[in-house]
Amino acid sequence: MPEIITPQKRINQIIENIPLVANKRFNFKSIKENIKIIQADCLLALDKMESNSQRKEKAKVIGGLPVGMKFDPQQGKRLQEFMSVVAEKLLRVLKPGGFFLCFSQGRLYHRMVVAIEEAGFEIRDMLI
């Protein structure tokens, strides 16, 4: 009879097979101890979880920014407002069937897409 592999056991196998990086930046043992798989309906399971039980304190530092530089949550709102105006103007001047290609940082993509879609464009695809 084949061995039954539980989701938790599979996660343990994956973590055990991750090669350690030369600078020993990560402690994989502590990561493994902190992983818990809950197999349930997410709407029911989330209601049973204690508030802030899964949240870690964030420094709001973004990987590609200089050390100590914080992400401004208002940046996304400003981009959405700007893109709303741009998208409305582009929709007016584009020929029917024309394409609007636009680029954004990953963390702001959703704001850009909402603005473009609300202006009347049909979102067909994305490239990340």
C-alpha atoms as a PDB file:
ATOM      1  CA  MET A   1       0.000   0.000   0.000  1.00  0.00           C
ATOM      2  CA  PRO A   2       1.470   3.429  -0.950  1.00  0.00           C
ATOM      3  CA  GLU A   3       2.357   5.842   1.827  1.00  0.00           C
ATOM      4  CA  ILE A   4      -0.183   8.606   2.415  1.00  0.00           C
ATOM      5  CA  ILE A   5       1.545  11.975   2.406  1.00  0.00           C
ATOM      6  CA  THR A   6      -0.280  14.636   4.379  1.00  0.00           C
ATOM      7  CA  PRO A   7       0.037  18.287   3.335  1.00  0.00           C
ATOM      8  CA  GLN A   8       2.131  18.988   6.458  1.00  0.00           C
ATOM      9  CA  LYS A   9       4.477  16.102   5.648  1.00  0.00           C
ATOM     10  CA  ARG A  10       4.862  17.364   2.051  1.00  0.00           C
ATOM     11  CA  ILE A  11       5.759  20.861   3.299  1.00  0.00           C
ATOM     12  CA  ASN A  12       8.363  19.315   5.609  1.00  0.00           C
ATOM     13  CA  GLN A  13       9.836  17.364   2.670  1.00  0.00           C
ATOM     14  CA  ILE A  14      10.023  20.508   0.535  1.00  0.00           C
ATOM     15  CA  ILE A  15      11.711  22.529   3.273  1.00  0.00           C
ATOM     16  CA  GLU A  16      14.208  19.756   4.017  1.00  0.00           C
ATOM     17  CA  ASN A  17      15.248  19.740   0.348  1.00  0.00           C
ATOM     18  CA  ILE A  18      15.846  23.499   0.085  1.00  0.00           C
ATOM     19  CA  PRO A  19      19.581  24.072  -0.292  1.00  0.00           C
ATOM     20  CA  LEU A  20      21.011  26.258   2.448  1.00  0.00           C
ATOM     21  CA  VAL A  21      22.364  29.553   1.184  1.00  0.00           C
ATOM     22  CA  ALA A  22      26.025  30.307   1.720  1.00  0.00           C
ATOM     23  CA  ASN A  23      25.428  33.298   3.989  1.00  0.00           C
ATOM     24  CA  LYS A  24      23.176  31.235   6.313  1.00  0.00           C
ATOM     25  CA  ARG A  25      20.662  34.091   6.235  1.00  0.00           C
ATOM     26  CA  PHE A  26      17.721  31.757   6.775  1.00  0.00           C
ATOM     27  CA  ASN A  27      17.134  29.328   9.576  1.00  0.00           C
ATOM     28  CA  PHE A  28      15.032  26.666   7.842  1.00  0.00           C
ATOM     29  CA  LYS A  29      14.376  24.812  11.084  1.00  0.00           C
ATOM     30  CA  SER A  30      12.558  27.820  12.553  1.00  0.00           C
ATOM     31  CA  ILE A  31      10.614  28.279   9.299  1.00  0.00           C
ATOM     32  CA  LYS A  32       9.506  24.632   9.402  1.00  0.00           C
ATOM     33  CA  GLU A  33       8.320  24.943  12.995  1.00  0.00           C
ATOM     34  CA  ASN A  34       6.196  27.976  12.114  1.00  0.00           C
ATOM     35  CA  ILE A  35       4.345  26.417   9.174  1.00  0.00           C
ATOM     36  CA  LYS A  36       0.850  25.163   9.854  1.00  0.00           C
ATOM     37  CA  ILE A  37      -1.476  23.886   7.163  1.00  0.00           C
ATOM     38  CA  ILE A  38      -5.176  24.167   7.854  1.00  0.00           C
ATOM     39  CA  GLN A  39      -7.344  22.148   5.519  1.00  0.00           C
ATOM     40  CA  ALA A  40     -10.815  23.689   5.817  1.00  0.00           C
ATOM     41  CA  ASP A  41     -13.289  26.039   4.211  1.00  0.00           C
ATOM     42  CA  CYS A  42     -11.409  29.351   4.436  1.00  0.00           C
ATOM     43  CA  LEU A  43     -14.546  31.311   5.375  1.00  0.00           C
ATOM     44  CA  LEU A  44     -15.191  29.052   8.358  1.00  0.00           C
ATOM     45  CA  ALA A  45     -11.557  28.672   9.419  1.00  0.00           C
ATOM     46  CA  LEU A  46     -10.805  32.410   9.270  1.00  0.00           C
ATOM     47  CA  ASP A  47     -13.777  33.164  11.523  1.00  0.00           C
ATOM     48  CA  LYS A  48     -12.313  30.832  14.152  1.00  0.00           C
ATOM     49  CA  MET A  49      -8.824  32.355  14.090  1.00  0.00           C
ATOM     50  CA  GLU A  50      -7.741  34.897  16.668  1.00  0.00           C
ATOM     51  CA  SER A  51      -7.308  38.469  15.400  1.00  0.00           C
ATOM     52  CA  ASN A  52      -3.725  39.370  14.434  1.00  0.00           C
ATOM     53  CA  SER A  53      -2.611  35.786  15.084  1.00  0.00           C
ATOM     54  CA  GLN A  54      -0.977  35.454  11.660  1.00  0.00           C
ATOM     55  CA  ARG A  55       0.348  38.965  11.261  1.00  0.00           C
ATOM     56  CA  LYS A  56       3.982  39.903  11.712  1.00  0.00           C
ATOM     57  CA  GLU A  57       5.070  43.457  12.326  1.00  0.00           C
ATOM     58  CA  LYS A  58       6.112  45.074   9.036  1.00  0.00           C
ATOM     59  CA  ALA A  59       8.866  47.597   8.617  1.00  0.00           C
ATOM     60  CA  LYS A  60       7.222  48.850   5.401  1.00  0.00           C
ATOM     61  CA  VAL A  61      10.604  48.594   3.683  1.00  0.00           C
ATOM     62  CA  ILE A  62      10.492  47.489   0.048  1.00  0.00           C
ATOM     63  CA  GLY A  63      13.202  45.266  -1.394  1.00  0.00           C
ATOM     64  CA  GLY A  64      14.185  47.456  -4.364  1.00  0.00           C
ATOM     65  CA  LEU A  65      14.250  50.728  -2.427  1.00  0.00           C
ATOM     66  CA  PRO A  66      17.224  52.150  -0.516  1.00  0.00           C
ATOM     67  CA  VAL A  67      17.520  50.838   3.055  1.00  0.00           C
ATOM     68  CA  GLY A  68      15.124  52.625   5.360  1.00  0.00           C
ATOM     69  CA  MET A  69      12.947  54.024   2.579  1.00  0.00           C
ATOM     70  CA  LYS A  70       9.305  53.254   3.298  1.00  0.00           C
ATOM     71  CA  PHE A  71       6.472  52.533   0.895  1.00  0.00           C
ATOM     72  CA  ASP A  72       3.834  55.261   0.847  1.00  0.00           C
ATOM     73  CA  PRO A  73       0.369  53.612   0.778  1.00  0.00           C
ATOM     74  CA  GLN A  74      -1.033  56.805  -0.776  1.00  0.00           C
ATOM     75  CA  GLN A  75       1.128  56.231  -3.858  1.00  0.00           C
ATOM     76  CA  GLY A  76      -1.335  53.619  -5.147  1.00  0.00           C
ATOM     77  CA  LYS A  77      -4.307  55.916  -4.655  1.00  0.00           C
ATOM     78  CA  ARG A  78      -2.548  58.727  -6.505  1.00  0.00           C
ATOM     79  CA  LEU A  79      -1.670  56.371  -9.374  1.00  0.00           C
ATOM     80  CA  GLN A  80      -5.292  55.214  -9.605  1.00  0.00           C
ATOM     81  CA  GLU A  81      -6.553  58.795  -9.761  1.00  0.00           C
ATOM     82  CA  PHE A  82      -3.993  59.676 -12.436  1.00  0.00           C
ATOM     83  CA  MET A  83      -4.674  56.535 -14.497  1.00  0.00           C
ATOM     84  CA  SER A  84      -8.428  57.185 -14.360  1.00  0.00           C
ATOM     85  CA  VAL A  85      -7.941  60.458 -16.198  1.00  0.00           C
ATOM     86  CA  VAL A  86      -5.436  58.968 -18.670  1.00  0.00           C
ATOM     87  CA  ALA A  87      -7.649  55.942 -19.399  1.00  0.00           C
ATOM     88  CA  GLU A  88     -10.763  58.064 -19.986  1.00  0.00           C
ATOM     89  CA  LYS A  89      -8.885  60.254 -22.466  1.00  0.00           C
ATOM     90  CA  LEU A  90      -7.343  57.254 -24.245  1.00  0.00           C
ATOM     91  CA  LEU A  91     -10.694  55.495 -24.528  1.00  0.00           C
ATOM     92  CA  ARG A  92     -12.088  58.580 -26.258  1.00  0.00           C
ATOM     93  CA  VAL A  93      -9.321  58.820 -28.862  1.00  0.00           C
ATOM     94  CA  LEU A  94      -8.618  55.131 -29.592  1.00  0.00           C
ATOM     95  CA  LYS A  95     -10.300  53.542 -32.593  1.00  0.00           C
ATOM     96  CA  PRO A  96     -12.717  50.706 -31.773  1.00  0.00           C
ATOM     97  CA  GLY A  97     -10.664  47.560 -31.173  1.00  0.00           C
ATOM     98  CA  GLY A  98      -7.551  49.613 -30.341  1.00  0.00           C
ATOM     99  CA  PHE A  99      -5.220  48.485 -27.556  1.00  0.00           C
ATOM    100  CA  PHE A 100      -3.987  50.325 -24.495  1.00  0.00           C
ATOM    101  CA  LEU A 101      -0.731  48.852 -23.168  1.00  0.00           C
ATOM    102  CA  CYS A 102       0.333  50.073 -19.773  1.00  0.00           C
ATOM    103  CA  PHE A 103       3.076  49.151 -17.301  1.00  0.00           C
ATOM    104  CA  SER A 104       3.326  49.425 -13.539  1.00  0.00           C
ATOM    105  CA  GLN A 105       5.195  48.072 -10.565  1.00  0.00           C
ATOM    106  CA  GLY A 106       3.706  44.860  -9.230  1.00  0.00           C
ATOM    107  CA  ARG A 107       2.563  46.384  -5.959  1.00  0.00           C
ATOM    108  CA  LEU A 108       0.601  49.094  -7.821  1.00  0.00           C
ATOM    109  CA  TYR A 109      -0.753  46.960 -10.662  1.00  0.00           C
ATOM    110  CA  HIS A 110      -4.173  46.448  -9.108  1.00  0.00           C
ATOM    111  CA  ARG A 111      -4.751  50.205  -8.777  1.00  0.00           C
ATOM    112  CA  MET A 112      -3.801  50.771 -12.406  1.00  0.00           C
ATOM    113  CA  VAL A 113      -6.088  47.989 -13.657  1.00  0.00           C
ATOM    114  CA  VAL A 114      -9.074  49.202 -11.608  1.00  0.00           C
ATOM    115  CA  ALA A 115      -8.717  52.699 -13.052  1.00  0.00           C
ATOM    116  CA  ILE A 116      -8.437  51.410 -16.632  1.00  0.00           C
ATOM    117  CA  GLU A 117     -11.342  49.000 -16.271  1.00  0.00           C
ATOM    118  CA  GLU A 118     -13.597  51.604 -14.651  1.00  0.00           C
ATOM    119  CA  ALA A 119     -12.873  53.948 -17.558  1.00  0.00           C
ATOM    120  CA  GLY A 120     -14.475  51.380 -19.873  1.00  0.00           C
ATOM    121  CA  PHE A 121     -11.597  49.263 -21.158  1.00  0.00           C
ATOM    122  CA  GLU A 122     -11.805  45.472 -21.243  1.00  0.00           C
ATOM    123  CA  ILE A 123      -8.827  43.903 -19.497  1.00  0.00           C
ATOM    124  CA  ARG A 124      -7.718  41.074 -21.776  1.00  0.00           C
ATOM    125  CA  ASP A 125      -4.383  39.969 -20.417  1.00  0.00           C
ATOM    126  CA  MET A 126      -1.453  40.835 -18.224  1.00  0.00           C
ATOM    127  CA  LEU A 127       2.258  40.116 -18.211  1.00  0.00           C
ATOM    128  CA  ILE A 128       4.099  39.902 -14.936  1.00  0.00           C
END
